Structure formats: structure tokens, C-alpha cells
Amino acid sequence: MAYTDLIVWKKSMQLAKTVFRVTGTFPPSQRYVLVPQMQRAALSIVSNIAEGFRRTQKKSKILCASPMVQHLNWKRRFIFLMSLNS
């Protein structure tokens, strides 16, 4: 079973996509403050579920302490963010 099979992850993905779609319609005055904050919050939910699922495995608990893994987590979040915009 993968984190992508979890119902909570699927629903959080739907929420993230909705947030990105809706915030795309916000007025320009909100695009530099409110929009990025809402998008980061929605993305954080999805990322935290995936990260928490991974940490339940013994081996990944050790790996999460590594700075390289932390960097990869940020790259995954960035790639996910870019996929929502396309």
C-alpha cells in the first residue's frame, strides 16, 4: 500500500487542486500575499500526509534525519506544485 492509496491523501489532492484553481481567479491585488499562502497551505497538507506515511517505515525514520532527504522532500513538493499549475 502506498500513500497515494489513502482516502485522506486523495481528498487532500482534490482540495489542493481546487485551491489552485480558485486562487487563479483572485484579483491581482491578492496574488502576492493571500494566493501563495493558501497554495502553500493546501500543498502542505498533501506533503505532510505523504511524509508521515513514509516515516512509519523503520528504515525511513533513519533516513529522514539526513539533510539530503530533506532536500529531496522540497524537490518533490516543488515538482508537485508545478504539476498543479499545468
C-alpha atoms as a PDB file:
ATOM      1  CA  MET A   1       0.000   0.000   0.000  1.00  0.00           C
ATOM      2  CA  ALA A   2       1.262   3.457  -0.924  1.00  0.00           C
ATOM      3  CA  TYR A   3       0.269   6.841   0.490  1.00  0.00           C
ATOM      4  CA  THR A   4      -1.457   7.545  -2.829  1.00  0.00           C
ATOM      5  CA  ASP A   5      -3.943   4.799  -1.939  1.00  0.00           C
ATOM      6  CA  LEU A   6      -5.084   6.590   1.234  1.00  0.00           C
ATOM      7  CA  ILE A   7      -8.502   8.231   1.050  1.00  0.00           C
ATOM      8  CA  VAL A   8      -7.272  11.198   3.073  1.00  0.00           C
ATOM      9  CA  TRP A   9      -4.439  11.782   0.579  1.00  0.00           C
ATOM     10  CA  LYS A  10      -6.838  11.602  -2.383  1.00  0.00           C
ATOM     11  CA  LYS A  11      -9.173  14.110  -0.746  1.00  0.00           C
ATOM     12  CA  SER A  12      -6.291  16.431   0.117  1.00  0.00           C
ATOM     13  CA  MET A  13      -5.170  16.273  -3.536  1.00  0.00           C
ATOM     14  CA  GLN A  14      -8.674  17.292  -4.609  1.00  0.00           C
ATOM     15  CA  LEU A  15      -8.545  20.152  -2.129  1.00  0.00           C
ATOM     16  CA  ALA A  16      -5.126  21.288  -3.366  1.00  0.00           C
ATOM     17  CA  LYS A  17      -6.261  21.255  -6.993  1.00  0.00           C
ATOM     18  CA  THR A  18      -9.381  23.206  -6.053  1.00  0.00           C
ATOM     19  CA  VAL A  19      -7.354  25.775  -4.117  1.00  0.00           C
ATOM     20  CA  PHE A  20      -5.001  26.272  -7.062  1.00  0.00           C
ATOM     21  CA  ARG A  21      -7.910  26.578  -9.479  1.00  0.00           C
ATOM     22  CA  VAL A  22      -9.856  29.021  -7.298  1.00  0.00           C
ATOM     23  CA  THR A  23      -6.875  31.169  -6.357  1.00  0.00           C
ATOM     24  CA  GLY A  24      -6.134  31.554 -10.047  1.00  0.00           C
ATOM     25  CA  THR A  25      -9.288  33.679 -10.253  1.00  0.00           C
ATOM     26  CA  PHE A  26      -8.344  36.019  -7.406  1.00  0.00           C
ATOM     27  CA  PRO A  27      -7.791  39.699  -8.190  1.00  0.00           C
ATOM     28  CA  PRO A  28      -4.229  40.865  -8.862  1.00  0.00           C
ATOM     29  CA  SER A  29      -4.079  42.680  -5.528  1.00  0.00           C
ATOM     30  CA  GLN A  30      -4.223  39.318  -3.721  1.00  0.00           C
ATOM     31  CA  ARG A  31      -1.719  37.437  -5.877  1.00  0.00           C
ATOM     32  CA  TYR A  32       1.343  38.300  -3.815  1.00  0.00           C
ATOM     33  CA  VAL A  33       0.065  37.713  -0.298  1.00  0.00           C
ATOM     34  CA  LEU A  34      -3.091  35.654   0.043  1.00  0.00           C
ATOM     35  CA  VAL A  35      -2.761  33.379  -3.002  1.00  0.00           C
ATOM     36  CA  PRO A  36       0.704  31.953  -2.238  1.00  0.00           C
ATOM     37  CA  GLN A  37      -0.222  31.445   1.411  1.00  0.00           C
ATOM     38  CA  MET A  38      -3.356  29.480   0.503  1.00  0.00           C
ATOM     39  CA  GLN A  39      -1.475  27.424  -2.073  1.00  0.00           C
ATOM     40  CA  ARG A  40       1.338  26.588   0.345  1.00  0.00           C
ATOM     41  CA  ALA A  41      -1.192  25.535   2.989  1.00  0.00           C
ATOM     42  CA  ALA A  42      -3.002  23.221   0.572  1.00  0.00           C
ATOM     43  CA  LEU A  43       0.274  21.759  -0.645  1.00  0.00           C
ATOM     44  CA  SER A  44       1.463  21.279   2.916  1.00  0.00           C
ATOM     45  CA  ILE A  45      -1.467  19.000   3.722  1.00  0.00           C
ATOM     46  CA  VAL A  46      -0.683  16.666   0.835  1.00  0.00           C
ATOM     47  CA  SER A  47       3.042  16.699   1.567  1.00  0.00           C
ATOM     48  CA  ASN A  48       2.619  16.034   5.278  1.00  0.00           C
ATOM     49  CA  ILE A  49       0.409  13.014   4.644  1.00  0.00           C
ATOM     50  CA  ALA A  50       2.937  11.549   2.219  1.00  0.00           C
ATOM     51  CA  GLU A  51       5.859  12.287   4.533  1.00  0.00           C
ATOM     52  CA  GLY A  52       4.083  10.860   7.570  1.00  0.00           C
ATOM     53  CA  PHE A  53       3.214   7.702   5.679  1.00  0.00           C
ATOM     54  CA  ARG A  54       6.848   7.244   4.710  1.00  0.00           C
ATOM     55  CA  ARG A  55       8.073   7.772   8.252  1.00  0.00           C
ATOM     56  CA  THR A  56       6.036   4.846   9.507  1.00  0.00           C
ATOM     57  CA  GLN A  57       8.612   2.547   7.987  1.00  0.00           C
ATOM     58  CA  LYS A  58      11.613   1.823  10.176  1.00  0.00           C
ATOM     59  CA  LYS A  59      14.236   2.485   7.505  1.00  0.00           C
ATOM     60  CA  SER A  60      12.811   5.854   6.513  1.00  0.00           C
ATOM     61  CA  LYS A  61      12.838   7.076  10.131  1.00  0.00           C
ATOM     62  CA  ILE A  62      16.611   6.878   9.973  1.00  0.00           C
ATOM     63  CA  LEU A  63      16.767   8.496   6.528  1.00  0.00           C
ATOM     64  CA  CYS A  64      14.575  11.459   7.495  1.00  0.00           C
ATOM     65  CA  ALA A  65      17.404  12.820   9.616  1.00  0.00           C
ATOM     66  CA  SER A  66      19.577  13.168   6.529  1.00  0.00           C
ATOM     67  CA  PRO A  67      19.816  16.677   5.017  1.00  0.00           C
ATOM     68  CA  MET A  68      19.808  15.098   1.547  1.00  0.00           C
ATOM     69  CA  VAL A  69      16.407  13.544   2.200  1.00  0.00           C
ATOM     70  CA  GLN A  70      15.081  16.881   3.424  1.00  0.00           C
ATOM     71  CA  HIS A  71      16.276  18.465   0.185  1.00  0.00           C
ATOM     72  CA  LEU A  72      14.553  15.740  -1.826  1.00  0.00           C
ATOM     73  CA  ASN A  73      11.326  16.357   0.088  1.00  0.00           C
ATOM     74  CA  TRP A  74      11.404  20.022  -1.001  1.00  0.00           C
ATOM     75  CA  LYS A  75      12.098  18.973  -4.588  1.00  0.00           C
ATOM     76  CA  ARG A  76       9.099  16.626  -4.514  1.00  0.00           C
ATOM     77  CA  ARG A  77       6.903  19.443  -3.213  1.00  0.00           C
ATOM     78  CA  PHE A  78       8.155  21.770  -5.939  1.00  0.00           C
ATOM     79  CA  ILE A  79       7.532  19.178  -8.669  1.00  0.00           C
ATOM     80  CA  PHE A  80       4.042  18.569  -7.281  1.00  0.00           C
ATOM     81  CA  LEU A  81       3.366  22.311  -7.221  1.00  0.00           C
ATOM     82  CA  MET A  82       4.449  22.642 -10.834  1.00  0.00           C
ATOM     83  CA  SER A  83       2.206  19.737 -11.867  1.00  0.00           C
ATOM     84  CA  LEU A  84      -0.814  21.522 -10.389  1.00  0.00           C
ATOM     85  CA  ASN A  85      -0.139  24.608 -12.491  1.00  0.00           C
ATOM     86  CA  SER A  86      -0.017  22.669 -15.751  1.00  0.00           C
END
